[in-house]
PDB file of all heavy atoms in Angstrom:
ATOM      1  N   VAL A   1      62.681 -42.319-209.954  1.00  0.00           N
ATOM      2  CA  VAL A   1      61.787 -43.266-210.662  1.00  0.00           C
ATOM      3  C   VAL A   1      61.818 -44.680-210.050  1.00  0.00           C
ATOM      4  O   VAL A   1      60.815 -45.285-210.013  1.00  0.00           O
ATOM      5  CB  VAL A   1      62.240 -43.216-212.175  1.00  0.00           C
ATOM      6  CG1 VAL A   1      61.525 -44.281-212.935  1.00  0.00           C
ATOM      7  CG2 VAL A   1      62.021 -41.924-212.774  1.00  0.00           C
ATOM      8  N   ALA A   2      62.998 -45.134-209.694  1.00  0.00           N
ATOM      9  CA  ALA A   2      63.131 -46.431-209.126  1.00  0.00           C
ATOM     10  C   ALA A   2      62.388 -46.583-207.869  1.00  0.00           C
ATOM     11  O   ALA A   2      61.736 -47.671-207.587  1.00  0.00           O
ATOM     12  CB  ALA A   2      64.568 -46.828-208.895  1.00  0.00           C
ATOM     13  N   LYS A   3      62.328 -45.558-206.968  1.00  0.00           N
ATOM     14  CA  LYS A   3      61.710 -45.628-205.631  1.00  0.00           C
ATOM     15  C   LYS A   3      60.229 -45.248-205.686  1.00  0.00           C
ATOM     16  O   LYS A   3      59.401 -45.849-205.063  1.00  0.00           O
ATOM     17  CB  LYS A   3      62.457 -44.674-204.767  1.00  0.00           C
ATOM     18  CG  LYS A   3      61.950 -44.770-203.294  1.00  0.00           C
ATOM     19  CD  LYS A   3      62.833 -43.871-202.417  1.00  0.00           C
ATOM     20  CE  LYS A   3      62.286 -43.975-200.993  1.00  0.00           C
ATOM     21  NZ  LYS A   3      63.064 -43.120-200.039  1.00  0.00           N
ATOM     22  N   GLU A   4      59.850 -44.241-206.545  1.00  0.00           N
ATOM     23  CA  GLU A   4      58.586 -43.686-206.545  1.00  0.00           C
ATOM     24  C   GLU A   4      57.790 -43.725-207.776  1.00  0.00           C
ATOM     25  O   GLU A   4      56.638 -43.317-207.866  1.00  0.00           O
ATOM     26  CB  GLU A   4      58.565 -42.226-206.077  1.00  0.00           C
ATOM     27  CG  GLU A   4      59.276 -42.069-204.639  1.00  0.00           C
ATOM     28  CD  GLU A   4      59.535 -40.600-204.370  1.00  0.00           C
ATOM     29  OE1 GLU A   4      58.543 -39.774-204.594  1.00  0.00           O
ATOM     30  OE2 GLU A   4      60.545 -40.261-203.851  1.00  0.00           O
ATOM     31  N   GLY A   5      58.521 -44.200-208.856  1.00  0.00           N
ATOM     32  CA  GLY A   5      57.825 -44.207-210.216  1.00  0.00           C
ATOM     33  C   GLY A   5      57.961 -42.814-210.803  1.00  0.00           C
ATOM     34  O   GLY A   5      58.455 -41.860-210.111  1.00  0.00           O
ATOM     35  N   TYR A   6      57.515 -42.653-212.012  1.00  0.00           N
ATOM     36  CA  TYR A   6      57.586 -41.384-212.649  1.00  0.00           C
ATOM     37  C   TYR A   6      56.696 -40.291-211.967  1.00  0.00           C
ATOM     38  O   TYR A   6      56.944 -39.061-212.052  1.00  0.00           O
ATOM     39  CB  TYR A   6      57.116 -41.474-214.192  1.00  0.00           C
ATOM     40  CG  TYR A   6      58.163 -42.145-214.979  1.00  0.00           C
ATOM     41  CD1 TYR A   6      58.100 -43.549-215.344  1.00  0.00           C
ATOM     42  CD2 TYR A   6      59.246 -41.423-215.454  1.00  0.00           C
ATOM     43  CE1 TYR A   6      59.000 -44.072-216.056  1.00  0.00           C
ATOM     44  CE2 TYR A   6      60.257 -42.058-216.193  1.00  0.00           C
ATOM     45  CZ  TYR A   6      60.119 -43.450-216.504  1.00  0.00           C
ATOM     46  OH  TYR A   6      61.062 -44.072-217.286  1.00  0.00           O
ATOM     47  N   ALA A   7      55.656 -40.726-211.211  1.00  0.00           N
ATOM     48  CA  ALA A   7      54.862 -39.751-210.476  1.00  0.00           C
ATOM     49  C   ALA A   7      55.692 -39.021-209.437  1.00  0.00           C
ATOM     50  O   ALA A   7      55.406 -37.888-209.084  1.00  0.00           O
ATOM     51  CB  ALA A   7      53.744 -40.517-209.741  1.00  0.00           C
ATOM     52  N   GLY A   8      56.760 -39.654-208.903  1.00  0.00           N
ATOM     53  CA  GLY A   8      57.575 -38.985-207.952  1.00  0.00           C
ATOM     54  C   GLY A   8      58.274 -37.688-208.523  1.00  0.00           C
ATOM     55  O   GLY A   8      58.579 -36.811-207.693  1.00  0.00           O
ATOM     56  N   LEU A   9      58.424 -37.626-209.860  1.00  0.00           N
ATOM     57  CA  LEU A   9      59.059 -36.426-210.459  1.00  0.00           C
ATOM     58  C   LEU A   9      58.067 -35.312-210.398  1.00  0.00           C
ATOM     59  O   LEU A   9      58.490 -34.143-210.656  1.00  0.00           O
ATOM     60  CB  LEU A   9      59.521 -36.750-211.842  1.00  0.00           C
ATOM     61  CG  LEU A   9      60.639 -37.794-212.002  1.00  0.00           C
ATOM     62  CD1 LEU A   9      60.828 -38.150-213.444  1.00  0.00           C
ATOM     63  CD2 LEU A   9      61.953 -37.271-211.372  1.00  0.00           C
ATOM     64  N   TYR A  10      56.752 -35.606-210.289  1.00  0.00           N
ATOM     65  CA  TYR A  10      55.750 -34.565-210.385  1.00  0.00           C
ATOM     66  C   TYR A  10      54.992 -34.349-209.083  1.00  0.00           C
ATOM     67  O   TYR A  10      53.950 -33.633-209.044  1.00  0.00           O
ATOM     68  CB  TYR A  10      54.683 -34.973-211.458  1.00  0.00           C
ATOM     69  CG  TYR A  10      55.248 -34.746-212.848  1.00  0.00           C
ATOM     70  CD1 TYR A  10      55.854 -35.736-213.540  1.00  0.00           C
ATOM     71  CD2 TYR A  10      55.110 -33.548-213.513  1.00  0.00           C
ATOM     72  CE1 TYR A  10      56.366 -35.609-214.805  1.00  0.00           C
ATOM     73  CE2 TYR A  10      55.573 -33.359-214.773  1.00  0.00           C
ATOM     74  CZ  TYR A  10      56.199 -34.328-215.481  1.00  0.00           C
ATOM     75  OH  TYR A  10      56.764 -34.172-216.738  1.00  0.00           O
ATOM     76  N   LYS A  11      55.563 -34.875-207.934  1.00  0.00           N
ATOM     77  CA  LYS A  11      54.776 -34.676-206.684  1.00  0.00           C
ATOM     78  C   LYS A  11      54.863 -33.279-206.175  1.00  0.00           C
ATOM     79  O   LYS A  11      53.994 -32.871-205.351  1.00  0.00           O
ATOM     80  CB  LYS A  11      55.385 -35.670-205.615  1.00  0.00           C
ATOM     81  CG  LYS A  11      56.710 -35.310-205.032  1.00  0.00           C
ATOM     82  CD  LYS A  11      57.064 -36.339-204.001  1.00  0.00           C
ATOM     83  CE  LYS A  11      58.341 -35.943-203.273  1.00  0.00           C
ATOM     84  NZ  LYS A  11      58.700 -36.953-202.194  1.00  0.00           N
ATOM     85  N   GLY A  12      55.724 -32.427-206.716  1.00  0.00           N
ATOM     86  CA  GLY A  12      55.798 -31.085-206.336  1.00  0.00           C
ATOM     87  C   GLY A  12      55.128 -30.137-207.320  1.00  0.00           C
ATOM     88  O   GLY A  12      55.276 -28.900-207.232  1.00  0.00           O
ATOM     89  N   LEU A  13      54.319 -30.737-208.256  1.00  0.00           N
ATOM     90  CA  LEU A  13      53.739 -29.850-209.353  1.00  0.00           C
ATOM     91  C   LEU A  13      52.694 -28.836-208.793  1.00  0.00           C
ATOM     92  O   LEU A  13      52.794 -27.643-209.207  1.00  0.00           O
ATOM     93  CB  LEU A  13      53.026 -30.709-210.324  1.00  0.00           C
ATOM     94  CG  LEU A  13      52.504 -30.024-211.525  1.00  0.00           C
ATOM     95  CD1 LEU A  13      53.476 -29.172-212.259  1.00  0.00           C
ATOM     96  CD2 LEU A  13      51.753 -30.987-212.545  1.00  0.00           C
ATOM     97  N   TYR A  14      51.892 -29.246-207.822  1.00  0.00           N
ATOM     98  CA  TYR A  14      50.856 -28.282-207.411  1.00  0.00           C
ATOM     99  C   TYR A  14      51.450 -27.072-206.671  1.00  0.00           C
ATOM    100  O   TYR A  14      51.180 -25.999-206.867  1.00  0.00           O
ATOM    101  CB  TYR A  14      49.781 -29.021-206.479  1.00  0.00           C
ATOM    102  CG  TYR A  14      48.917 -29.997-207.227  1.00  0.00           C
ATOM    103  CD1 TYR A  14      48.135 -30.861-206.530  1.00  0.00           C
ATOM    104  CD2 TYR A  14      48.734 -29.901-208.659  1.00  0.00           C
ATOM    105  CE1 TYR A  14      47.268 -31.797-207.207  1.00  0.00           C
ATOM    106  CE2 TYR A  14      47.948 -30.783-209.270  1.00  0.00           C
ATOM    107  CZ  TYR A  14      47.140 -31.695-208.562  1.00  0.00           C
ATOM    108  OH  TYR A  14      46.266 -32.575-209.263  1.00  0.00           O
ATOM    109  N   PRO A  15      52.350 -27.368-205.731  1.00  0.00           N
ATOM    110  CA  PRO A  15      53.045 -26.259-205.036  1.00  0.00           C
ATOM    111  C   PRO A  15      53.963 -25.440-206.048  1.00  0.00           C
ATOM    112  O   PRO A  15      54.128 -24.267-205.826  1.00  0.00           O
ATOM    113  CB  PRO A  15      53.850 -26.869-203.890  1.00  0.00           C
ATOM    114  CG  PRO A  15      53.992 -28.316-204.218  1.00  0.00           C
ATOM    115  CD  PRO A  15      52.726 -28.697-205.068  1.00  0.00           C
ATOM    116  N   LEU A  16      54.457 -26.176-207.021  1.00  0.00           N
ATOM    117  CA  LEU A  16      55.237 -25.450-208.102  1.00  0.00           C
ATOM    118  C   LEU A  16      54.376 -24.453-208.824  1.00  0.00           C
ATOM    119  O   LEU A  16      54.738 -23.207-209.042  1.00  0.00           O
ATOM    120  CB  LEU A  16      55.907 -26.458-209.011  1.00  0.00           C
ATOM    121  CG  LEU A  16      56.864 -25.795-210.158  1.00  0.00           C
ATOM    122  CD1 LEU A  16      58.027 -25.181-209.458  1.00  0.00           C
ATOM    123  CD2 LEU A  16      57.306 -26.867-211.075  1.00  0.00           C
ATOM    124  N   TRP A  17      53.137 -24.859-209.162  1.00  0.00           N
ATOM    125  CA  TRP A  17      52.144 -23.979-209.782  1.00  0.00           C
ATOM    126  C   TRP A  17      51.886 -22.866-208.822  1.00  0.00           C
ATOM    127  O   TRP A  17      51.737 -21.691-209.257  1.00  0.00           O
ATOM    128  CB  TRP A  17      50.889 -24.706-210.028  1.00  0.00           C
ATOM    129  CG  TRP A  17      50.901 -25.450-211.467  1.00  0.00           C
ATOM    130  CD1 TRP A  17      51.617 -25.107-212.608  1.00  0.00           C
ATOM    131  CD2 TRP A  17      50.132 -26.652-211.798  1.00  0.00           C
ATOM    132  NE1 TRP A  17      51.397 -26.080-213.634  1.00  0.00           N
ATOM    133  CE2 TRP A  17      50.462 -26.920-213.153  1.00  0.00           C
ATOM    134  CE3 TRP A  17      49.210 -27.428-211.157  1.00  0.00           C
ATOM    135  CZ2 TRP A  17      49.869 -27.999-213.839  1.00  0.00           C
ATOM    136  CZ3 TRP A  17      48.597 -28.454-211.802  1.00  0.00           C
ATOM    137  CH2 TRP A  17      48.988 -28.820-213.123  1.00  0.00           C
ATOM    138  N   GLY A  18      51.689 -23.165-207.514  1.00  0.00           N
ATOM    139  CA  GLY A  18      51.371 -22.197-206.548  1.00  0.00           C
ATOM    140  C   GLY A  18      52.452 -21.135-206.410  1.00  0.00           C
ATOM    141  O   GLY A  18      52.237 -20.038-206.033  1.00  0.00           O
ATOM    142  N   ARG A  19      53.709 -21.501-206.652  1.00  0.00           N
ATOM    143  CA  ARG A  19      54.786 -20.576-206.613  1.00  0.00           C
ATOM    144  C   ARG A  19      55.037 -19.854-207.935  1.00  0.00           C
ATOM    145  O   ARG A  19      55.108 -18.676-207.949  1.00  0.00           O
ATOM    146  CB  ARG A  19      56.095 -21.390-206.276  1.00  0.00           C
ATOM    147  CG  ARG A  19      57.355 -20.492-206.162  1.00  0.00           C
ATOM    148  CD  ARG A  19      58.619 -21.304-206.126  1.00  0.00           C
ATOM    149  NE  ARG A  19      59.111 -21.842-207.434  1.00  0.00           N
ATOM    150  CZ  ARG A  19      60.080 -22.745-207.646  1.00  0.00           C
ATOM    151  NH1 ARG A  19      60.714 -23.147-206.499  1.00  0.00           N
ATOM    152  NH2 ARG A  19      60.479 -23.123-208.778  1.00  0.00           N
ATOM    153  N   GLN A  20      55.031 -20.622-209.010  1.00  0.00           N
ATOM    154  CA  GLN A  20      55.411 -20.067-210.342  1.00  0.00           C
ATOM    155  C   GLN A  20      54.320 -19.235-210.938  1.00  0.00           C
ATOM    156  O   GLN A  20      54.597 -18.259-211.726  1.00  0.00           O
ATOM    157  CB  GLN A  20      55.870 -21.161-211.237  1.00  0.00           C
ATOM    158  CG  GLN A  20      57.278 -21.787-210.855  1.00  0.00           C
ATOM    159  CD  GLN A  20      58.365 -20.774-210.872  1.00  0.00           C
ATOM    160  OE1 GLN A  20      59.119 -20.540-210.051  1.00  0.00           O
ATOM    161  NE2 GLN A  20      58.592 -20.145-212.126  1.00  0.00           N
ATOM    162  N   ILE A  21      53.032 -19.622-210.885  1.00  0.00           N
ATOM    163  CA  ILE A  21      52.065 -18.890-211.625  1.00  0.00           C
ATOM    164  C   ILE A  21      51.853 -17.518-211.046  1.00  0.00           C
ATOM    165  O   ILE A  21      51.878 -16.498-211.826  1.00  0.00           O
ATOM    166  CB  ILE A  21      50.726 -19.711-211.575  1.00  0.00           C
ATOM    167  CG1 ILE A  21      50.840 -20.915-212.523  1.00  0.00           C
ATOM    168  CG2 ILE A  21      49.507 -18.826-212.048  1.00  0.00           C
ATOM    169  CD1 ILE A  21      49.647 -21.844-212.572  1.00  0.00           C
ATOM    170  N   PRO A  22      51.706 -17.332-209.731  1.00  0.00           N
ATOM    171  CA  PRO A  22      51.731 -15.881-209.245  1.00  0.00           C
ATOM    172  C   PRO A  22      52.973 -15.191-209.471  1.00  0.00           C
ATOM    173  O   PRO A  22      52.929 -13.938-209.841  1.00  0.00           O
ATOM    174  CB  PRO A  22      51.496 -16.093-207.655  1.00  0.00           C
ATOM    175  CG  PRO A  22      50.892 -17.490-207.557  1.00  0.00           C
ATOM    176  CD  PRO A  22      51.452 -18.265-208.608  1.00  0.00           C
ATOM    177  N   TYR A  23      54.146 -15.882-209.462  1.00  0.00           N
ATOM    178  CA  TYR A  23      55.347 -15.215-209.754  1.00  0.00           C
ATOM    179  C   TYR A  23      55.390 -14.700-211.164  1.00  0.00           C
ATOM    180  O   TYR A  23      55.792 -13.587-211.463  1.00  0.00           O
ATOM    181  CB  TYR A  23      56.451 -16.267-209.531  1.00  0.00           C
ATOM    182  CG  TYR A  23      57.870 -15.936-210.104  1.00  0.00           C
ATOM    183  CD1 TYR A  23      58.765 -15.154-209.364  1.00  0.00           C
ATOM    184  CD2 TYR A  23      58.179 -16.302-211.405  1.00  0.00           C
ATOM    185  CE1 TYR A  23      59.961 -14.823-209.893  1.00  0.00           C
ATOM    186  CE2 TYR A  23      59.441 -15.940-211.956  1.00  0.00           C
ATOM    187  CZ  TYR A  23      60.316 -15.235-211.180  1.00  0.00           C
ATOM    188  OH  TYR A  23      61.520 -14.846-211.705  1.00  0.00           O
ATOM    189  N   THR A  24      54.954 -15.577-212.152  1.00  0.00           N
ATOM    190  CA  THR A  24      55.095 -15.081-213.558  1.00  0.00           C
ATOM    191  C   THR A  24      54.005 -14.049-213.838  1.00  0.00           C
ATOM    192  O   THR A  24      54.224 -13.200-214.696  1.00  0.00           O
ATOM    193  CB  THR A  24      54.906 -16.348-214.441  1.00  0.00           C
ATOM    194  OG1 THR A  24      55.963 -17.279-214.130  1.00  0.00           O
ATOM    195  CG2 THR A  24      54.921 -16.009-215.892  1.00  0.00           C
ATOM    196  N   MET A  25      52.852 -14.151-213.212  1.00  0.00           N
ATOM    197  CA  MET A  25      51.803 -13.222-213.441  1.00  0.00           C
ATOM    198  C   MET A  25      52.356 -11.845-212.979  1.00  0.00           C
ATOM    199  O   MET A  25      52.214 -10.767-213.684  1.00  0.00           O
ATOM    200  CB  MET A  25      50.586 -13.536-212.661  1.00  0.00           C
ATOM    201  CG  MET A  25      49.790 -14.724-213.256  1.00  0.00           C
ATOM    202  SD  MET A  25      48.469 -15.308-212.112  1.00  0.00           S
ATOM    203  CE  MET A  25      47.280 -13.936-212.372  1.00  0.00           C
ATOM    204  N   CYS A  26      52.969 -11.803-211.863  1.00  0.00           N
ATOM    205  CA  CYS A  26      53.630 -10.630-211.233  1.00  0.00           C
ATOM    206  C   CYS A  26      54.765 -10.171-212.242  1.00  0.00           C
ATOM    207  O   CYS A  26      54.948  -8.957-212.484  1.00  0.00           O
ATOM    208  CB  CYS A  26      54.061 -10.793-209.911  1.00  0.00           C
ATOM    209  SG  CYS A  26      54.883  -9.357-209.134  1.00  0.00           S
ATOM    210  N   LYS A  27      55.551 -11.082-212.665  1.00  0.00           N
ATOM    211  CA  LYS A  27      56.732 -10.705-213.440  1.00  0.00           C
ATOM    212  C   LYS A  27      56.364  -9.963-214.743  1.00  0.00           C
ATOM    213  O   LYS A  27      56.883  -9.006-215.085  1.00  0.00           O
ATOM    214  CB  LYS A  27      57.563 -12.017-213.792  1.00  0.00           C
ATOM    215  CG  LYS A  27      58.651 -11.894-214.716  1.00  0.00           C
ATOM    216  CD  LYS A  27      59.367 -13.177-214.921  1.00  0.00           C
ATOM    217  CE  LYS A  27      60.511 -13.125-215.991  1.00  0.00           C
ATOM    218  NZ  LYS A  27      61.218 -14.420-216.075  1.00  0.00           N
ATOM    219  N   PHE A  28      55.433 -10.586-215.500  1.00  0.00           N
ATOM    220  CA  PHE A  28      55.040 -10.080-216.814  1.00  0.00           C
ATOM    221  C   PHE A  28      54.195  -8.789-216.693  1.00  0.00           C
ATOM    222  O   PHE A  28      54.365  -7.830-217.370  1.00  0.00           O
ATOM    223  CB  PHE A  28      54.398 -11.072-217.706  1.00  0.00           C
ATOM    224  CG  PHE A  28      55.390 -12.187-218.239  1.00  0.00           C
ATOM    225  CD1 PHE A  28      55.790 -13.170-217.546  1.00  0.00           C
ATOM    226  CD2 PHE A  28      55.810 -11.961-219.479  1.00  0.00           C
ATOM    227  CE1 PHE A  28      56.679 -14.121-218.087  1.00  0.00           C
ATOM    228  CE2 PHE A  28      56.709 -12.752-220.141  1.00  0.00           C
ATOM    229  CZ  PHE A  28      57.159 -13.907-219.385  1.00  0.00           C
ATOM    230  N   ALA A  29      53.184  -8.879-215.767  1.00  0.00           N
ATOM    231  CA  ALA A  29      52.278  -7.730-215.648  1.00  0.00           C
ATOM    232  C   ALA A  29      52.972  -6.509-215.026  1.00  0.00           C
ATOM    233  O   ALA A  29      52.844  -5.351-215.597  1.00  0.00           O
ATOM    234  CB  ALA A  29      51.142  -8.062-214.842  1.00  0.00           C
ATOM    235  N   THR A  30      53.848  -6.769-214.001  1.00  0.00           N
ATOM    236  CA  THR A  30      54.567  -5.688-213.429  1.00  0.00           C
ATOM    237  C   THR A  30      55.617  -5.058-214.412  1.00  0.00           C
ATOM    238  O   THR A  30      55.820  -3.874-214.530  1.00  0.00           O
ATOM    239  CB  THR A  30      55.278  -6.112-212.145  1.00  0.00           C
ATOM    240  OG1 THR A  30      54.358  -6.701-211.255  1.00  0.00           O
ATOM    241  CG2 THR A  30      56.036  -4.947-211.518  1.00  0.00           C
ATOM    242  N   PHE A  31      56.250  -5.973-215.097  1.00  0.00           N
ATOM    243  CA  PHE A  31      57.239  -5.528-216.123  1.00  0.00           C
ATOM    244  C   PHE A  31      56.553  -4.715-217.268  1.00  0.00           C
ATOM    245  O   PHE A  31      57.035  -3.533-217.520  1.00  0.00           O
ATOM    246  CB  PHE A  31      57.953  -6.791-216.838  1.00  0.00           C
ATOM    247  CG  PHE A  31      58.788  -6.356-217.990  1.00  0.00           C
ATOM    248  CD1 PHE A  31      60.096  -5.853-217.773  1.00  0.00           C
ATOM    249  CD2 PHE A  31      58.378  -6.473-219.280  1.00  0.00           C
ATOM    250  CE1 PHE A  31      60.879  -5.549-218.762  1.00  0.00           C
ATOM    251  CE2 PHE A  31      59.134  -6.105-220.321  1.00  0.00           C
ATOM    252  CZ  PHE A  31      60.461  -5.579-220.089  1.00  0.00           C
ATOM    253  N   GLU A  32      55.590  -5.157-217.796  1.00  0.00           N
ATOM    254  CA  GLU A  32      54.900  -4.424-218.899  1.00  0.00           C
ATOM    255  C   GLU A  32      54.371  -3.030-218.390  1.00  0.00           C
ATOM    256  O   GLU A  32      54.524  -1.970-218.958  1.00  0.00           O
ATOM    257  CB  GLU A  32      53.742  -5.171-219.539  1.00  0.00           C
ATOM    258  CG  GLU A  32      54.268  -6.577-220.194  1.00  0.00           C
ATOM    259  CD  GLU A  32      53.972  -6.606-221.686  1.00  0.00           C
ATOM    260  OE1 GLU A  32      53.922  -5.483-222.294  1.00  0.00           O
ATOM    261  OE2 GLU A  32      53.839  -7.662-222.226  1.00  0.00           O
ATOM    262  N   THR A  33      53.739  -3.062-217.205  1.00  0.00           N
ATOM    263  CA  THR A  33      53.191  -1.807-216.616  1.00  0.00           C
ATOM    264  C   THR A  33      54.335  -0.894-216.261  1.00  0.00           C
ATOM    265  O   THR A  33      54.239   0.298-216.512  1.00  0.00           O
ATOM    266  CB  THR A  33      52.416  -2.137-215.388  1.00  0.00           C
ATOM    267  OG1 THR A  33      51.383  -3.023-215.641  1.00  0.00           O
ATOM    268  CG2 THR A  33      51.744  -0.885-214.791  1.00  0.00           C
ATOM    269  N   THR A  34      55.457  -1.404-215.721  1.00  0.00           N
ATOM    270  CA  THR A  34      56.569  -0.575-215.278  1.00  0.00           C
ATOM    271  C   THR A  34      57.208   0.086-216.524  1.00  0.00           C
ATOM    272  O   THR A  34      57.606   1.240-216.505  1.00  0.00           O
ATOM    273  CB  THR A  34      57.640  -1.309-214.578  1.00  0.00           C
ATOM    274  OG1 THR A  34      56.964  -1.939-213.386  1.00  0.00           O
ATOM    275  CG2 THR A  34      58.783  -0.507-214.162  1.00  0.00           C
TER     276      THR A  34
END
């Protein structure tokens, strides 16, 4: 926060969505189907 402001805490949000959303879609859909 001191160096980059509060935005620095969210600079990885887009790639985090890119990692977590496909992951969770796979996690729940595969689990329920399995």
